Amino acid sequence: MKGFISALWFALEALKACGVKPKCNVEISFTADEETDSRLGIG
């Protein structure tokens, strides 16, 4: 999950640096505990 978060963050920063403006709002949600049935996360 940490690699994905880092890649996503870098991609959003790159789009911002290039002046790309999305046609809609971009929402990102992070969840903890995905490896153990999400008892403490979204579950």
C-alpha atoms as a PDB file:
ATOM      1  CA  MET A   1       0.000   0.000   0.000  1.00  0.00           C
ATOM      2  CA  LYS A   2       2.838   2.418   0.757  1.00  0.00           C
ATOM      3  CA  GLY A   3       4.178   2.143  -2.799  1.00  0.00           C
ATOM      4  CA  PHE A   4       0.762   2.887  -4.244  1.00  0.00           C
ATOM      5  CA  ILE A   5       0.304   5.925  -2.007  1.00  0.00           C
ATOM      6  CA  SER A   6       3.703   7.271  -3.024  1.00  0.00           C
ATOM      7  CA  ALA A   7       3.011   6.700  -6.736  1.00  0.00           C
ATOM      8  CA  LEU A   8      -0.412   8.337  -6.494  1.00  0.00           C
ATOM      9  CA  TRP A   9       0.987  11.358  -4.664  1.00  0.00           C
ATOM     10  CA  PHE A  10       3.775  11.751  -7.247  1.00  0.00           C
ATOM     11  CA  ALA A  11       1.277  11.468 -10.130  1.00  0.00           C
ATOM     12  CA  LEU A  12      -0.965  14.163  -8.644  1.00  0.00           C
ATOM     13  CA  GLU A  13       2.016  16.459  -8.088  1.00  0.00           C
ATOM     14  CA  ALA A  14       3.174  15.859 -11.684  1.00  0.00           C
ATOM     15  CA  LEU A  15      -0.284  16.716 -13.063  1.00  0.00           C
ATOM     16  CA  LYS A  16      -0.340  19.877 -10.964  1.00  0.00           C
ATOM     17  CA  ALA A  17       3.158  20.863 -12.130  1.00  0.00           C
ATOM     18  CA  CYS A  18       2.088  20.392 -15.765  1.00  0.00           C
ATOM     19  CA  GLY A  19      -0.958  22.583 -15.243  1.00  0.00           C
ATOM     20  CA  VAL A  20      -3.465  19.787 -15.874  1.00  0.00           C
ATOM     21  CA  LYS A  21      -6.866  20.698 -14.460  1.00  0.00           C
ATOM     22  CA  PRO A  22      -9.320  17.830 -13.961  1.00  0.00           C
ATOM     23  CA  LYS A  23     -12.869  18.195 -15.282  1.00  0.00           C
ATOM     24  CA  CYS A  24     -14.221  17.074 -11.915  1.00  0.00           C
ATOM     25  CA  ASN A  25     -13.132  16.971  -8.280  1.00  0.00           C
ATOM     26  CA  VAL A  26     -10.490  14.395  -7.430  1.00  0.00           C
ATOM     27  CA  GLU A  27     -10.986  12.643  -4.110  1.00  0.00           C
ATOM     28  CA  ILE A  28      -8.546  10.206  -2.573  1.00  0.00           C
ATOM     29  CA  SER A  29      -9.329   8.004   0.385  1.00  0.00           C
ATOM     30  CA  PHE A  30      -6.791   5.987   2.334  1.00  0.00           C
ATOM     31  CA  THR A  31      -7.694   3.049   4.532  1.00  0.00           C
ATOM     32  CA  ALA A  32      -5.744   1.357   7.281  1.00  0.00           C
ATOM     33  CA  ASP A  33      -5.620  -2.339   8.080  1.00  0.00           C
ATOM     34  CA  GLU A  34      -6.290  -3.727   4.588  1.00  0.00           C
ATOM     35  CA  GLU A  35      -4.092  -6.766   5.232  1.00  0.00           C
ATOM     36  CA  THR A  36      -6.113  -8.126   8.148  1.00  0.00           C
ATOM     37  CA  ASP A  37      -9.754  -8.141   7.031  1.00  0.00           C
ATOM     38  CA  SER A  38     -10.098  -4.368   7.564  1.00  0.00           C
ATOM     39  CA  ARG A  39     -11.403  -4.744  11.084  1.00  0.00           C
ATOM     40  CA  LEU A  40     -10.001  -1.334  11.924  1.00  0.00           C
ATOM     41  CA  GLY A  41     -10.391   0.167   8.444  1.00  0.00           C
ATOM     42  CA  ILE A  42     -13.435   0.541   6.204  1.00  0.00           C
ATOM     43  CA  GLY A  43     -15.121  -2.608   7.514  1.00  0.00           C
END
